[in-house]
N, C-alpha and C. Protein backbone atom coordinates (compact mmCIF):
# COMPACT_ATOMS: atom_id res chain seq x y z
N UNK A 1 -0.96 -23.88 -30.55
CA UNK A 1 -1.32 -22.89 -31.36
C UNK A 1 -1.06 -21.43 -31.75
N UNK A 2 -1.84 -20.89 -30.69
CA UNK A 2 -1.54 -19.68 -30.54
C UNK A 2 -0.29 -18.94 -29.20
N UNK A 3 0.36 -17.98 -29.89
CA UNK A 3 1.37 -17.14 -28.66
C UNK A 3 0.65 -17.27 -27.35
N UNK A 4 -0.15 -17.01 -27.13
CA UNK A 4 -1.01 -16.49 -26.20
C UNK A 4 -1.04 -17.03 -25.03
N UNK A 5 -1.79 -18.51 -26.08
CA UNK A 5 -1.98 -19.75 -25.15
C UNK A 5 -1.21 -20.44 -24.91
N UNK A 6 0.11 -20.56 -25.38
CA UNK A 6 1.59 -20.94 -25.15
C UNK A 6 2.09 -20.27 -23.72
N UNK A 7 2.02 -18.90 -23.65
CA UNK A 7 2.50 -18.00 -22.85
C UNK A 7 1.42 -18.49 -21.48
N UNK A 8 0.09 -18.40 -21.47
CA UNK A 8 -0.61 -18.74 -20.89
C UNK A 8 -0.49 -20.29 -20.52
N UNK A 9 0.10 -20.87 -20.71
CA UNK A 9 0.07 -22.82 -19.93
C UNK A 9 1.39 -22.62 -19.34
N UNK A 10 2.31 -21.97 -20.08
CA UNK A 10 3.81 -22.17 -18.98
C UNK A 10 3.40 -20.55 -18.18
N UNK A 11 2.74 -19.72 -17.79
CA UNK A 11 2.59 -19.05 -16.63
C UNK A 11 1.68 -20.14 -15.49
N UNK A 12 1.00 -21.07 -15.82
CA UNK A 12 -0.15 -21.68 -15.44
C UNK A 12 1.48 -22.77 -14.95
N UNK A 13 2.06 -23.47 -15.45
CA UNK A 13 3.22 -24.47 -15.03
C UNK A 13 3.87 -24.14 -14.30
N UNK A 14 4.27 -22.54 -14.18
CA UNK A 14 5.20 -21.93 -13.53
C UNK A 14 4.52 -21.94 -11.84
N UNK A 15 3.15 -21.44 -11.64
CA UNK A 15 2.65 -20.90 -10.26
C UNK A 15 2.67 -22.49 -9.90
N UNK A 16 2.89 -23.69 -10.43
CA UNK A 16 2.92 -24.80 -9.55
C UNK A 16 4.18 -25.24 -9.10
N UNK A 17 5.31 -25.08 -10.14
CA UNK A 17 6.10 -25.09 -9.41
C UNK A 17 7.18 -23.81 -8.50
N UNK A 18 6.78 -22.81 -8.37
CA UNK A 18 7.20 -22.32 -7.95
C UNK A 18 6.38 -21.80 -6.24
N UNK A 19 5.38 -22.32 -6.60
CA UNK A 19 4.74 -21.83 -5.00
C UNK A 19 3.77 -21.10 -4.99
N UNK A 20 2.81 -21.26 -4.57
CA UNK A 20 1.70 -19.87 -4.00
C UNK A 20 1.89 -18.52 -3.88
N UNK A 21 1.42 -17.88 -4.15
CA UNK A 21 2.27 -16.48 -4.02
C UNK A 21 1.69 -16.22 -2.78
N UNK A 22 0.91 -16.25 -2.64
CA UNK A 22 -0.02 -16.12 -0.94
C UNK A 22 1.28 -16.59 -0.11
N UNK A 23 2.28 -17.65 -0.08
CA UNK A 23 3.06 -17.88 0.59
C UNK A 23 4.52 -16.87 0.42
N UNK A 24 5.19 -16.69 -0.63
CA UNK A 24 5.98 -15.97 -1.28
C UNK A 24 5.39 -14.19 -0.26
N UNK A 25 4.36 -13.96 -0.11
CA UNK A 25 3.68 -12.43 0.46
C UNK A 25 4.01 -12.65 1.82
N UNK A 26 3.53 -13.86 2.56
CA UNK A 26 3.84 -13.83 4.02
C UNK A 26 4.91 -13.88 4.50
N UNK A 27 5.77 -14.96 3.75
CA UNK A 27 7.58 -14.55 3.98
C UNK A 27 8.05 -13.22 3.85
N UNK A 28 7.62 -12.51 2.80
CA UNK A 28 8.13 -11.06 2.64
C UNK A 28 7.71 -10.52 3.78
N UNK A 29 6.19 -10.54 4.22
CA UNK A 29 6.05 -9.61 4.95
C UNK A 29 6.84 -10.08 6.19
N UNK A 30 6.51 -11.31 6.44
CA UNK A 30 7.74 -11.74 8.23
C UNK A 30 8.85 -10.92 8.19
N UNK A 31 9.38 -10.90 7.04
CA UNK A 31 11.04 -10.63 7.14
C UNK A 31 10.95 -9.09 7.23
N UNK A 32 9.77 -7.95 6.63
CA UNK A 32 10.02 -7.01 6.66
C UNK A 32 9.51 -6.60 7.97
N UNK A 33 8.67 -7.43 8.65
CA UNK A 33 7.51 -7.00 10.04
C UNK A 33 8.46 -6.98 11.23
N UNK A 34 9.49 -8.14 10.94
CA UNK A 34 10.31 -8.69 12.60
C UNK A 34 11.05 -7.24 12.75
N UNK A 35 11.88 -6.52 12.22
CA UNK A 35 12.14 -5.56 12.68
C UNK A 35 11.44 -4.59 12.94
N UNK A 36 10.01 -4.72 13.62
CA UNK A 36 9.44 -3.41 13.55
C UNK A 36 9.00 -3.68 15.29
N UNK A 37 8.61 -3.37 16.10
CA UNK A 37 7.95 -2.78 17.29
C UNK A 37 6.58 -2.83 17.11
N UNK A 38 5.98 -3.15 17.98
CA UNK A 38 4.16 -2.80 18.38
C UNK A 38 4.09 -1.37 18.91
N UNK A 39 3.15 -0.42 18.13
CA UNK A 39 3.47 0.70 18.49
C UNK A 39 1.79 0.79 19.98
N UNK A 40 2.03 1.63 21.18
CA UNK A 40 0.78 0.57 22.03
C UNK A 40 -0.25 1.88 21.93
N UNK A 41 0.66 3.22 21.82
CA UNK A 41 -0.41 4.13 21.35
C UNK A 41 -0.64 4.97 20.43
N UNK A 42 -1.41 5.59 19.77
CA UNK A 42 -1.62 6.20 18.17
C UNK A 42 -0.55 7.21 18.84
N UNK A 43 0.46 7.22 18.03
CA UNK A 43 1.20 8.91 18.28
C UNK A 43 0.88 10.05 17.03
N UNK A 44 -0.28 10.31 16.30
CA UNK A 44 -0.52 11.03 16.03
C UNK A 44 -2.12 11.10 16.05
N UNK A 45 -2.65 12.50 16.37
CA UNK A 45 -4.38 12.11 16.56
C UNK A 45 -4.81 12.67 15.47
N UNK A 46 -5.96 12.51 14.55
CA UNK A 46 -6.50 13.22 13.21
C UNK A 46 -6.82 14.68 13.98
N UNK A 47 -7.29 14.73 15.38
CA UNK A 47 -7.29 15.99 15.33
C UNK A 47 -6.51 16.88 15.06
N UNK A 48 -5.15 16.86 16.09
CA UNK A 48 -4.37 17.80 15.48
C UNK A 48 -3.45 17.76 13.90
N UNK A 49 -3.61 16.39 13.75
CA UNK A 49 -3.66 16.21 12.06
C UNK A 49 -3.84 17.06 11.19
N UNK A 50 -5.45 17.40 10.88
CA UNK A 50 -6.29 18.23 10.12
C UNK A 50 -5.91 19.42 10.72
N UNK A 51 -5.56 20.44 12.06
CA UNK A 51 -4.94 21.54 12.31
C UNK A 51 -4.26 21.57 11.59
N UNK A 52 -3.11 20.95 11.52
CA UNK A 52 -1.91 21.21 10.56
C UNK A 52 -1.97 21.25 9.72
N UNK A 53 -3.15 20.34 8.87
CA UNK A 53 -2.99 20.29 7.58
C UNK A 53 -3.50 21.46 7.08
N UNK A 54 -5.04 22.14 7.89
CA UNK A 54 -5.15 23.72 7.67
C UNK A 54 -4.42 24.49 7.63
N UNK A 55 -3.52 24.59 8.76
CA UNK A 55 -2.52 25.78 8.60
C UNK A 55 -1.64 25.44 7.43
N UNK A 56 -1.40 24.22 6.93
CA UNK A 56 -0.48 24.37 5.77
C UNK A 56 -0.72 24.84 4.77
N UNK A 57 -2.26 24.38 4.52
CA UNK A 57 -2.93 24.62 2.97
C UNK A 57 -3.60 25.63 3.23
N UNK A 58 -3.72 26.55 4.22
CA UNK A 58 -4.28 27.71 4.77
C UNK A 58 -4.54 28.40 3.16
N UNK A 59 -3.70 28.93 2.31
CA UNK A 59 -3.97 29.64 1.13
C UNK A 59 -4.69 28.85 0.08
N UNK A 60 -4.56 27.67 0.15
CA UNK A 60 -5.28 26.91 -1.64
C UNK A 60 -6.56 27.10 -0.81
N UNK A 61 -6.86 26.85 0.50
CA UNK A 61 -8.47 26.41 1.40
C UNK A 61 -8.82 28.10 0.79
N UNK A 62 -8.39 28.99 1.41
CA UNK A 62 -8.37 30.32 0.71
C UNK A 62 -9.29 30.87 -0.39
N UNK A 63 -8.59 29.83 -1.68
CA UNK A 63 -8.84 30.25 -2.65
C UNK A 63 -10.35 29.38 -3.13
N UNK A 64 -10.18 28.43 -2.75
CA UNK A 64 -11.08 27.60 -2.65
C UNK A 64 -12.47 27.94 -2.23
N UNK A 65 -12.78 28.24 -1.29
CA UNK A 65 -13.76 29.44 -0.63
C UNK A 65 -14.21 30.67 -1.29
N UNK A 66 -12.93 31.17 -1.99
CA UNK A 66 -13.80 32.55 -2.69
C UNK A 66 -14.37 32.00 -4.40
N UNK A 67 -13.62 31.09 -4.73
CA UNK A 67 -14.12 31.12 -6.04
C UNK A 67 -15.60 30.46 -6.00
N UNK A 68 -15.93 30.01 -5.12
CA UNK A 68 -17.45 29.53 -4.75
C UNK A 68 -18.34 30.56 -4.28
């Protein structure tokens, strides 16, 4: 009777004949991850990234400390 109900019915049927979303996600994930090699060690440590970020945003951090 209502257009929204008809769309919902069609969407439910589409999920049945199209397959579960999880299967599609797993298939796409496998295809994407197939080309990557596992990393054995972390390439960047949080401490070095924090220091680099503070250096990069020093001017903004100084303005924030002045405002307080």
